All heavy atoms as atom14 arrays in JSON, in Angstrom:
{
  "sequence": "VLSDPAIYEHENAPPESLQWLRERFERLETRCSGDGSEQWLNW",
  "atom14_mask": [
    [1, 1, 1, 1, 1, 1, 1, 0, 0, 0, 0, 0, 0, 0],
    [1, 1, 1, 1, 1, 1, 1, 1, 0, 0, 0, 0, 0, 0],
    [1, 1, 1, 1, 1, 1, 0, 0, 0, 0, 0, 0, 0, 0],
    [1, 1, 1, 1, 1, 1, 1, 1, 0, 0, 0, 0, 0, 0],
    [1, 1, 1, 1, 1, 1, 1, 0, 0, 0, 0, 0, 0, 0],
    [1, 1, 1, 1, 1, 0, 0, 0, 0, 0, 0, 0, 0, 0],
    [1, 1, 1, 1, 1, 1, 1, 1, 0, 0, 0, 0, 0, 0],
    [1, 1, 1, 1, 1, 1, 1, 1, 1, 1, 1, 1, 0, 0],
    [1, 1, 1, 1, 1, 1, 1, 1, 1, 0, 0, 0, 0, 0],
    [1, 1, 1, 1, 1, 1, 1, 1, 1, 1, 0, 0, 0, 0],
    [1, 1, 1, 1, 1, 1, 1, 1, 1, 0, 0, 0, 0, 0],
    [1, 1, 1, 1, 1, 1, 1, 1, 0, 0, 0, 0, 0, 0],
    [1, 1, 1, 1, 1, 0, 0, 0, 0, 0, 0, 0, 0, 0],
    [1, 1, 1, 1, 1, 1, 1, 0, 0, 0, 0, 0, 0, 0],
    [1, 1, 1, 1, 1, 1, 1, 0, 0, 0, 0, 0, 0, 0],
    [1, 1, 1, 1, 1, 1, 1, 1, 1, 0, 0, 0, 0, 0],
    [1, 1, 1, 1, 1, 1, 0, 0, 0, 0, 0, 0, 0, 0],
    [1, 1, 1, 1, 1, 1, 1, 1, 0, 0, 0, 0, 0, 0],
    [1, 1, 1, 1, 1, 1, 1, 1, 1, 0, 0, 0, 0, 0],
    [1, 1, 1, 1, 1, 1, 1, 1, 1, 1, 1, 1, 1, 1],
    [1, 1, 1, 1, 1, 1, 1, 1, 0, 0, 0, 0, 0, 0],
    [1, 1, 1, 1, 1, 1, 1, 1, 1, 1, 1, 0, 0, 0],
    [1, 1, 1, 1, 1, 1, 1, 1, 1, 0, 0, 0, 0, 0],
    [1, 1, 1, 1, 1, 1, 1, 1, 1, 1, 1, 0, 0, 0],
    [1, 1, 1, 1, 1, 1, 1, 1, 1, 1, 1, 0, 0, 0],
    [1, 1, 1, 1, 1, 1, 1, 1, 1, 0, 0, 0, 0, 0],
    [1, 1, 1, 1, 1, 1, 1, 1, 1, 1, 1, 0, 0, 0],
    [1, 1, 1, 1, 1, 1, 1, 1, 0, 0, 0, 0, 0, 0],
    [1, 1, 1, 1, 1, 1, 1, 1, 1, 0, 0, 0, 0, 0],
    [1, 1, 1, 1, 1, 1, 1, 0, 0, 0, 0, 0, 0, 0],
    [1, 1, 1, 1, 1, 1, 1, 1, 1, 1, 1, 0, 0, 0],
    [1, 1, 1, 1, 1, 1, 0, 0, 0, 0, 0, 0, 0, 0],
    [1, 1, 1, 1, 1, 1, 0, 0, 0, 0, 0, 0, 0, 0],
    [1, 1, 1, 1, 0, 0, 0, 0, 0, 0, 0, 0, 0, 0],
    [1, 1, 1, 1, 1, 1, 1, 1, 0, 0, 0, 0, 0, 0],
    [1, 1, 1, 1, 0, 0, 0, 0, 0, 0, 0, 0, 0, 0],
    [1, 1, 1, 1, 1, 1, 0, 0, 0, 0, 0, 0, 0, 0],
    [1, 1, 1, 1, 1, 1, 1, 1, 1, 0, 0, 0, 0, 0],
    [1, 1, 1, 1, 1, 1, 1, 1, 1, 0, 0, 0, 0, 0],
    [1, 1, 1, 1, 1, 1, 1, 1, 1, 1, 1, 1, 1, 1],
    [1, 1, 1, 1, 1, 1, 1, 1, 0, 0, 0, 0, 0, 0],
    [1, 1, 1, 1, 1, 1, 1, 1, 0, 0, 0, 0, 0, 0],
    [1, 1, 1, 1, 1, 1, 1, 1, 1, 1, 1, 1, 1, 1]
  ],
  "atom14_positions": [
    [[-85.14, 182.06, 17.14], [-85.09, 182.85, 15.91], [-84.3, 184.16, 16.11], [-83.42, 184.53, 15.32], [-86.52, 183.21, 15.41], [-86.52, 184.12, 14.22], [-87.34, 181.97, 15.06], [0.0, 0.0, 0.0], [0.0, 0.0, 0.0], [0.0, 0.0, 0.0], [0.0, 0.0, 0.0], [0.0, 0.0, 0.0], [0.0, 0.0, 0.0], [0.0, 0.0, 0.0]],
    [[-84.6, 184.84, 17.2], [-84.02, 186.16, 17.45], [-82.57, 186.03, 18.02], [-81.95, 187.06, 18.22], [-84.91, 186.96, 18.39], [-86.28, 187.3, 17.85], [-87.16, 187.98, 18.84], [-86.17, 188.14, 16.49], [0.0, 0.0, 0.0], [0.0, 0.0, 0.0], [0.0, 0.0, 0.0], [0.0, 0.0, 0.0], [0.0, 0.0, 0.0], [0.0, 0.0, 0.0]],
    [[-82.05, 184.86, 18.2], [-80.67, 184.7, 18.71], [-79.7, 184.57, 17.53], [-78.56, 184.36, 17.71], [-80.59, 183.46, 19.6], [-81.26, 183.67, 20.82], [0.0, 0.0, 0.0], [0.0, 0.0, 0.0], [0.0, 0.0, 0.0], [0.0, 0.0, 0.0], [0.0, 0.0, 0.0], [0.0, 0.0, 0.0], [0.0, 0.0, 0.0], [0.0, 0.0, 0.0]],
    [[-80.23, 184.64, 16.29], [-79.45, 184.56, 15.12], [-78.57, 185.84, 14.97], [-79.06, 186.91, 14.78], [-80.4, 184.45, 13.89], [-79.71, 184.41, 12.53], [-78.42, 184.59, 12.49], [-80.43, 184.28, 11.57], [0.0, 0.0, 0.0], [0.0, 0.0, 0.0], [0.0, 0.0, 0.0], [0.0, 0.0, 0.0], [0.0, 0.0, 0.0], [0.0, 0.0, 0.0]],
    [[-77.24, 185.72, 15.11], [-76.45, 186.96, 15.08], [-76.47, 187.68, 13.76], [-76.22, 188.93, 13.72], [-75.03, 186.47, 15.4], [-75.06, 184.94, 15.12], [-76.44, 184.56, 15.29], [0.0, 0.0, 0.0], [0.0, 0.0, 0.0], [0.0, 0.0, 0.0], [0.0, 0.0, 0.0], [0.0, 0.0, 0.0], [0.0, 0.0, 0.0], [0.0, 0.0, 0.0]],
    [[-76.76, 187.04, 12.68], [-76.77, 187.77, 11.32], [-77.78, 188.83, 11.27], [-77.59, 189.8, 10.56], [-77.06, 186.7, 10.28], [0.0, 0.0, 0.0], [0.0, 0.0, 0.0], [0.0, 0.0, 0.0], [0.0, 0.0, 0.0], [0.0, 0.0, 0.0], [0.0, 0.0, 0.0], [0.0, 0.0, 0.0], [0.0, 0.0, 0.0], [0.0, 0.0, 0.0]],
    [[-78.86, 188.72, 12.08], [-79.95, 189.78, 11.96], [-79.59, 191.05, 12.67], [-80.29, 192.05, 12.61], [-81.34, 189.23, 12.4], [-81.36, 188.87, 13.85], [-81.8, 188.15, 11.49], [-82.68, 188.29, 14.31], [0.0, 0.0, 0.0], [0.0, 0.0, 0.0], [0.0, 0.0, 0.0], [0.0, 0.0, 0.0], [0.0, 0.0, 0.0], [0.0, 0.0, 0.0]],
    [[-78.42, 191.05, 13.39], [-77.97, 192.26, 14.16], [-76.76, 192.97, 13.47], [-76.07, 193.68, 14.14], [-77.77, 191.95, 15.58], [-79.0, 191.22, 16.23], [-79.06, 189.88, 16.37], [-80.04, 192.05, 16.53], [-80.2, 189.28, 16.92], [-81.25, 191.46, 17.0], [-81.28, 190.09, 17.18], [-82.46, 189.54, 17.61], [0.0, 0.0, 0.0], [0.0, 0.0, 0.0]],
    [[-76.58, 192.66, 12.21], [-75.46, 193.27, 11.52], [-75.49, 194.76, 11.55], [-74.46, 195.43, 11.6], [-75.49, 192.78, 10.02], [-74.42, 193.39, 9.17], [-74.62, 192.96, 7.69], [-75.45, 192.09, 7.4], [-73.83, 193.51, 6.9], [0.0, 0.0, 0.0], [0.0, 0.0, 0.0], [0.0, 0.0, 0.0], [0.0, 0.0, 0.0], [0.0, 0.0, 0.0]],
    [[-76.69, 195.36, 11.47], [-76.8, 196.82, 11.38], [-77.2, 197.5, 12.7], [-76.99, 198.72, 12.87], [-77.81, 197.2, 10.32], [-77.43, 196.63, 8.95], [-76.46, 197.23, 8.17], [-77.81, 195.51, 8.33], [-76.32, 196.58, 7.14], [-77.08, 195.51, 7.16], [0.0, 0.0, 0.0], [0.0, 0.0, 0.0], [0.0, 0.0, 0.0], [0.0, 0.0, 0.0]],
    [[-77.89, 196.81, 13.6], [-78.32, 197.44, 14.85], [-78.88, 196.41, 15.83], [-79.12, 195.27, 15.52], [-79.37, 198.51, 14.59], [-80.66, 198.04, 13.96], [-81.65, 199.11, 13.65], [-81.82, 200.03, 14.58], [-82.21, 199.07, 12.58], [0.0, 0.0, 0.0], [0.0, 0.0, 0.0], [0.0, 0.0, 0.0], [0.0, 0.0, 0.0], [0.0, 0.0, 0.0]],
    [[-79.02, 196.89, 17.08], [-79.64, 196.1, 18.16], [-78.77, 194.93, 18.52], [-77.62, 194.77, 18.09], [-81.04, 195.69, 17.8], [-81.95, 196.92, 17.66], [-81.74, 197.94, 18.28], [-82.88, 196.84, 16.74], [0.0, 0.0, 0.0], [0.0, 0.0, 0.0], [0.0, 0.0, 0.0], [0.0, 0.0, 0.0], [0.0, 0.0, 0.0], [0.0, 0.0, 0.0]],
    [[-79.36, 194.09, 19.33], [-78.62, 192.86, 19.83], [-79.67, 191.79, 20.13], [-80.84, 192.09, 20.3], [-77.84, 193.22, 21.1], [0.0, 0.0, 0.0], [0.0, 0.0, 0.0], [0.0, 0.0, 0.0], [0.0, 0.0, 0.0], [0.0, 0.0, 0.0], [0.0, 0.0, 0.0], [0.0, 0.0, 0.0], [0.0, 0.0, 0.0], [0.0, 0.0, 0.0]],
    [[-79.2, 190.59, 20.19], [-80.14, 189.5, 20.5], [-80.75, 189.67, 21.95], [-80.26, 190.39, 22.73], [-79.3, 188.19, 20.51], [-78.06, 188.62, 19.71], [-77.83, 190.05, 19.94], [0.0, 0.0, 0.0], [0.0, 0.0, 0.0], [0.0, 0.0, 0.0], [0.0, 0.0, 0.0], [0.0, 0.0, 0.0], [0.0, 0.0, 0.0], [0.0, 0.0, 0.0]],
    [[-81.89, 189.07, 22.15], [-82.57, 189.14, 23.48], [-81.56, 188.64, 24.56], [-80.78, 187.71, 24.39], [-83.77, 188.24, 23.46], [-83.82, 187.77, 22.0], [-82.61, 188.17, 21.27], [0.0, 0.0, 0.0], [0.0, 0.0, 0.0], [0.0, 0.0, 0.0], [0.0, 0.0, 0.0], [0.0, 0.0, 0.0], [0.0, 0.0, 0.0], [0.0, 0.0, 0.0]],
    [[-81.6, 189.34, 25.68], [-80.69, 189.0, 26.85], [-80.89, 187.52, 27.31], [-79.85, 186.88, 27.61], [-80.95, 189.96, 28.04], [-80.69, 191.38, 27.7], [-81.16, 192.25, 28.81], [-81.38, 191.8, 29.99], [-81.21, 193.53, 28.65], [0.0, 0.0, 0.0], [0.0, 0.0, 0.0], [0.0, 0.0, 0.0], [0.0, 0.0, 0.0], [0.0, 0.0, 0.0]],
    [[-82.1, 187.11, 27.4], [-82.41, 185.78, 27.82], [-83.76, 185.4, 27.45], [-84.59, 186.29, 27.02], [-82.28, 185.7, 29.37], [-83.33, 186.5, 29.96], [0.0, 0.0, 0.0], [0.0, 0.0, 0.0], [0.0, 0.0, 0.0], [0.0, 0.0, 0.0], [0.0, 0.0, 0.0], [0.0, 0.0, 0.0], [0.0, 0.0, 0.0], [0.0, 0.0, 0.0]],
    [[-84.12, 184.15, 27.66], [-85.5, 183.68, 27.31], [-86.48, 184.39, 28.31], [-87.56, 184.86, 27.85], [-85.63, 182.17, 27.44], [-87.05, 181.6, 27.32], [-87.68, 182.03, 25.99], [-86.96, 180.11, 27.44], [0.0, 0.0, 0.0], [0.0, 0.0, 0.0], [0.0, 0.0, 0.0], [0.0, 0.0, 0.0], [0.0, 0.0, 0.0], [0.0, 0.0, 0.0]],
    [[-86.11, 184.51, 29.53], [-86.97, 185.16, 30.53], [-87.26, 186.65, 30.14], [-88.37, 187.11, 30.27], [-86.4, 185.07, 31.96], [-87.26, 185.6, 33.03], [-88.7, 184.95, 33.06], [-88.83, 183.8, 32.81], [-89.66, 185.69, 33.49], [0.0, 0.0, 0.0], [0.0, 0.0, 0.0], [0.0, 0.0, 0.0], [0.0, 0.0, 0.0], [0.0, 0.0, 0.0]],
    [[-86.18, 187.31, 29.71], [-86.27, 188.73, 29.31], [-87.29, 188.8, 28.14], [-88.13, 189.74, 28.14], [-84.92, 189.26, 28.9], [-84.98, 190.73, 28.44], [-84.76, 191.79, 29.18], [-85.2, 191.14, 27.15], [-84.9, 192.91, 28.43], [-85.13, 192.55, 27.15], [-85.38, 190.51, 25.86], [-85.32, 193.39, 26.01], [-85.53, 191.3, 24.78], [-85.5, 192.73, 24.81]],
    [[-87.14, 187.98, 27.08], [-88.04, 187.98, 26.03], [-89.49, 187.66, 26.34], [-90.43, 188.3, 25.89], [-87.55, 186.99, 24.85], [-88.28, 187.11, 23.53], [-88.11, 188.49, 22.92], [-87.76, 185.98, 22.56], [0.0, 0.0, 0.0], [0.0, 0.0, 0.0], [0.0, 0.0, 0.0], [0.0, 0.0, 0.0], [0.0, 0.0, 0.0], [0.0, 0.0, 0.0]],
    [[-89.62, 186.67, 27.2], [-91.02, 186.34, 27.68], [-91.68, 187.52, 28.35], [-92.82, 187.78, 28.08], [-90.95, 185.12, 28.57], [-92.38, 184.59, 29.05], [-92.27, 183.36, 29.91], [-91.78, 182.22, 29.08], [-90.67, 181.53, 29.22], [-89.83, 181.84, 30.23], [-90.38, 180.49, 28.48], [0.0, 0.0, 0.0], [0.0, 0.0, 0.0], [0.0, 0.0, 0.0]],
    [[-90.97, 188.19, 29.22], [-91.47, 189.36, 29.9], [-91.79, 190.5, 28.98], [-92.83, 191.23, 29.07], [-90.5, 189.82, 31.0], [-90.44, 188.86, 32.21], [-89.35, 189.17, 33.14], [-88.64, 190.19, 32.98], [-89.14, 188.35, 34.04], [0.0, 0.0, 0.0], [0.0, 0.0, 0.0], [0.0, 0.0, 0.0], [0.0, 0.0, 0.0], [0.0, 0.0, 0.0]],
    [[-90.94, 190.7, 27.99], [-91.2, 191.7, 26.95], [-92.46, 191.39, 26.19], [-93.32, 192.26, 25.99], [-89.99, 191.86, 26.01], [-90.24, 192.83, 24.87], [-89.0, 193.13, 24.1], [-89.27, 193.94, 22.91], [-89.71, 195.22, 22.86], [-89.93, 195.84, 23.99], [-89.89, 195.8, 21.69], [0.0, 0.0, 0.0], [0.0, 0.0, 0.0], [0.0, 0.0, 0.0]],
    [[-92.63, 190.13, 25.72], [-93.87, 189.74, 25.0], [-95.08, 189.94, 25.88], [-96.09, 190.34, 25.42], [-93.67, 188.3, 24.53], [-92.85, 188.12, 23.3], [-92.07, 189.17, 22.72], [-92.79, 186.94, 22.68], [-91.31, 188.97, 21.6], [-92.0, 186.72, 21.54], [-91.26, 187.76, 21.0], [0.0, 0.0, 0.0], [0.0, 0.0, 0.0], [0.0, 0.0, 0.0]],
    [[-94.95, 189.62, 27.21], [-96.07, 189.82, 28.13], [-96.52, 191.26, 28.16], [-97.72, 191.61, 28.07], [-95.77, 189.35, 29.49], [-95.76, 187.84, 29.65], [-95.25, 187.39, 31.03], [-94.97, 188.24, 31.9], [-95.22, 186.13, 31.24], [0.0, 0.0, 0.0], [0.0, 0.0, 0.0], [0.0, 0.0, 0.0], [0.0, 0.0, 0.0], [0.0, 0.0, 0.0]],
    [[-95.46, 192.21, 28.25], [-95.77, 193.62, 28.25], [-96.51, 194.06, 26.95], [-97.39, 194.9, 26.98], [-94.53, 194.44, 28.44], [-94.08, 194.4, 29.9], [-92.95, 195.42, 30.17], [-91.83, 195.31, 29.25], [-90.77, 194.53, 29.43], [-90.76, 193.68, 30.43], [-89.79, 194.52, 28.51], [0.0, 0.0, 0.0], [0.0, 0.0, 0.0], [0.0, 0.0, 0.0]],
    [[-96.05, 193.51, 25.84], [-96.65, 193.91, 24.56], [-98.01, 193.35, 24.34], [-98.73, 193.81, 23.44], [-95.69, 193.5, 23.41], [-94.38, 194.28, 23.39], [-93.41, 193.61, 22.37], [-94.54, 195.73, 23.14], [0.0, 0.0, 0.0], [0.0, 0.0, 0.0], [0.0, 0.0, 0.0], [0.0, 0.0, 0.0], [0.0, 0.0, 0.0], [0.0, 0.0, 0.0]],
    [[-98.41, 192.35, 25.16], [-99.77, 191.84, 24.99], [-100.87, 192.83, 25.29], [-102.0, 192.66, 24.95], [-99.95, 190.59, 25.88], [-99.29, 189.37, 25.23], [-99.57, 188.05, 26.05], [-100.59, 188.02, 26.78], [-98.69, 187.17, 25.95], [0.0, 0.0, 0.0], [0.0, 0.0, 0.0], [0.0, 0.0, 0.0], [0.0, 0.0, 0.0], [0.0, 0.0, 0.0]],
    [[-100.51, 193.97, 25.95], [-101.5, 195.02, 26.17], [-101.96, 195.61, 24.83], [-103.06, 196.12, 24.75], [-100.9, 196.15, 27.0], [-99.83, 196.76, 26.29], [-100.43, 195.63, 28.38], [0.0, 0.0, 0.0], [0.0, 0.0, 0.0], [0.0, 0.0, 0.0], [0.0, 0.0, 0.0], [0.0, 0.0, 0.0], [0.0, 0.0, 0.0], [0.0, 0.0, 0.0]],
    [[-101.16, 195.52, 23.82], [-101.46, 196.09, 22.52], [-101.59, 197.54, 22.47], [-102.2, 198.1, 21.61], [-102.66, 195.4, 21.84], [-102.67, 193.88, 21.92], [-101.75, 193.24, 20.9], [-101.96, 191.81, 20.85], [-101.05, 190.84, 21.16], [-99.91, 191.2, 21.5], [-101.32, 189.62, 21.05], [0.0, 0.0, 0.0], [0.0, 0.0, 0.0], [0.0, 0.0, 0.0]],
    [[-101.14, 198.24, 23.59], [-101.38, 199.64, 23.66], [-100.3, 200.35, 24.5], [-99.8, 199.69, 25.45], [-102.72, 199.82, 24.35], [-103.32, 201.45, 24.62], [0.0, 0.0, 0.0], [0.0, 0.0, 0.0], [0.0, 0.0, 0.0], [0.0, 0.0, 0.0], [0.0, 0.0, 0.0], [0.0, 0.0, 0.0], [0.0, 0.0, 0.0], [0.0, 0.0, 0.0]],
    [[-99.96, 201.56, 24.19], [-99.0, 202.27, 24.96], [-99.62, 202.63, 26.31], [-100.86, 202.59, 26.46], [-98.56, 203.56, 24.23], [-99.68, 204.42, 24.05], [0.0, 0.0, 0.0], [0.0, 0.0, 0.0], [0.0, 0.0, 0.0], [0.0, 0.0, 0.0], [0.0, 0.0, 0.0], [0.0, 0.0, 0.0], [0.0, 0.0, 0.0], [0.0, 0.0, 0.0]],
    [[-98.8, 202.93, 27.3], [-99.26, 203.2, 28.66], [-100.25, 204.36, 28.72], [-101.23, 204.3, 29.47], [0.0, 0.0, 0.0], [0.0, 0.0, 0.0], [0.0, 0.0, 0.0], [0.0, 0.0, 0.0], [0.0, 0.0, 0.0], [0.0, 0.0, 0.0], [0.0, 0.0, 0.0], [0.0, 0.0, 0.0], [0.0, 0.0, 0.0], [0.0, 0.0, 0.0]],
    [[-100.11, 205.36, 27.85], [-101.04, 206.5, 27.82], [-102.24, 206.29, 26.91], [-103.05, 207.15, 26.82], [-100.29, 207.74, 27.52], [-99.68, 207.84, 26.14], [-99.97, 206.86, 25.34], [-99.04, 208.81, 25.83], [0.0, 0.0, 0.0], [0.0, 0.0, 0.0], [0.0, 0.0, 0.0], [0.0, 0.0, 0.0], [0.0, 0.0, 0.0], [0.0, 0.0, 0.0]],
    [[-102.17, 205.11, 26.21], [-103.34, 204.87, 25.35], [-103.29, 205.59, 23.98], [-104.25, 205.43, 23.18], [0.0, 0.0, 0.0], [0.0, 0.0, 0.0], [0.0, 0.0, 0.0], [0.0, 0.0, 0.0], [0.0, 0.0, 0.0], [0.0, 0.0, 0.0], [0.0, 0.0, 0.0], [0.0, 0.0, 0.0], [0.0, 0.0, 0.0], [0.0, 0.0, 0.0]],
    [[-102.23, 206.3, 23.67], [-102.26, 207.1, 22.45], [-101.77, 206.27, 21.25], [-101.99, 206.74, 20.13], [-101.28, 208.28, 22.63], [-99.87, 207.81, 22.76], [0.0, 0.0, 0.0], [0.0, 0.0, 0.0], [0.0, 0.0, 0.0], [0.0, 0.0, 0.0], [0.0, 0.0, 0.0], [0.0, 0.0, 0.0], [0.0, 0.0, 0.0], [0.0, 0.0, 0.0]],
    [[-101.19, 205.09, 21.42], [-100.73, 204.25, 20.36], [-101.15, 202.85, 20.52], [-101.21, 202.36, 21.62], [-99.17, 204.27, 20.3], [-98.55, 205.66, 20.08], [-97.05, 205.56, 20.16], [-96.48, 204.69, 20.81], [-96.41, 206.37, 19.5], [0.0, 0.0, 0.0], [0.0, 0.0, 0.0], [0.0, 0.0, 0.0], [0.0, 0.0, 0.0], [0.0, 0.0, 0.0]],
    [[-101.43, 202.22, 19.4], [-101.71, 200.79, 19.4], [-100.41, 200.12, 18.99], [-99.68, 200.49, 18.12], [-102.75, 200.43, 18.39], [-104.14, 200.86, 18.75], [-105.14, 200.35, 17.7], [-105.14, 200.75, 16.55], [-105.97, 199.38, 18.17], [0.0, 0.0, 0.0], [0.0, 0.0, 0.0], [0.0, 0.0, 0.0], [0.0, 0.0, 0.0], [0.0, 0.0, 0.0]],
    [[-99.99, 199.01, 19.82], [-98.77, 198.29, 19.54], [-99.21, 196.98, 19.02], [-99.77, 196.12, 19.76], [-98.01, 198.13, 20.77], [-97.4, 199.41, 21.34], [-97.25, 200.56, 20.69], [-96.89, 199.56, 22.67], [-96.64, 201.47, 21.59], [-96.43, 200.97, 22.79], [-96.73, 198.78, 23.82], [-95.86, 201.4, 23.92], [-96.21, 199.29, 24.93], [-95.74, 200.56, 25.03]],
    [[-99.06, 196.74, 17.77], [-99.52, 195.55, 17.12], [-98.33, 194.69, 16.71], [-97.44, 195.2, 15.99], [-100.34, 195.91, 15.88], [-101.42, 196.93, 16.09], [-102.1, 197.3, 14.75], [-102.51, 196.33, 17.08], [0.0, 0.0, 0.0], [0.0, 0.0, 0.0], [0.0, 0.0, 0.0], [0.0, 0.0, 0.0], [0.0, 0.0, 0.0], [0.0, 0.0, 0.0]],
    [[-98.29, 193.49, 17.16], [-97.17, 192.53, 16.96], [-97.66, 191.17, 16.54], [-98.61, 190.59, 17.19], [-96.4, 192.38, 18.26], [-95.9, 193.71, 18.79], [-94.82, 194.21, 18.31], [-96.58, 194.38, 19.69], [0.0, 0.0, 0.0], [0.0, 0.0, 0.0], [0.0, 0.0, 0.0], [0.0, 0.0, 0.0], [0.0, 0.0, 0.0], [0.0, 0.0, 0.0]],
    [[-97.11, 190.7, 15.45], [-97.42, 189.29, 15.0], [-96.15, 188.55, 14.81], [-95.15, 189.03, 14.33], [-98.12, 189.38, 13.68], [-99.51, 189.91, 13.72], [-100.72, 189.25, 13.87], [-99.95, 191.28, 13.51], [-101.79, 190.07, 13.81], [-101.37, 191.31, 13.59], [-99.23, 192.47, 13.27], [-102.1, 192.5, 13.45], [-99.95, 193.68, 13.13], [-101.38, 193.65, 13.22]]
  ]
}
């Protein structure tokens, strides 16, 4: 889904690789910033 070039017309870039995206999603599974001040909610 995120490799679709049309969605980056205005900013950002597609994920570098499947492994990079998997690792990013793993980090986001904490649902919380490192200092605990923010909740990171992703669906």
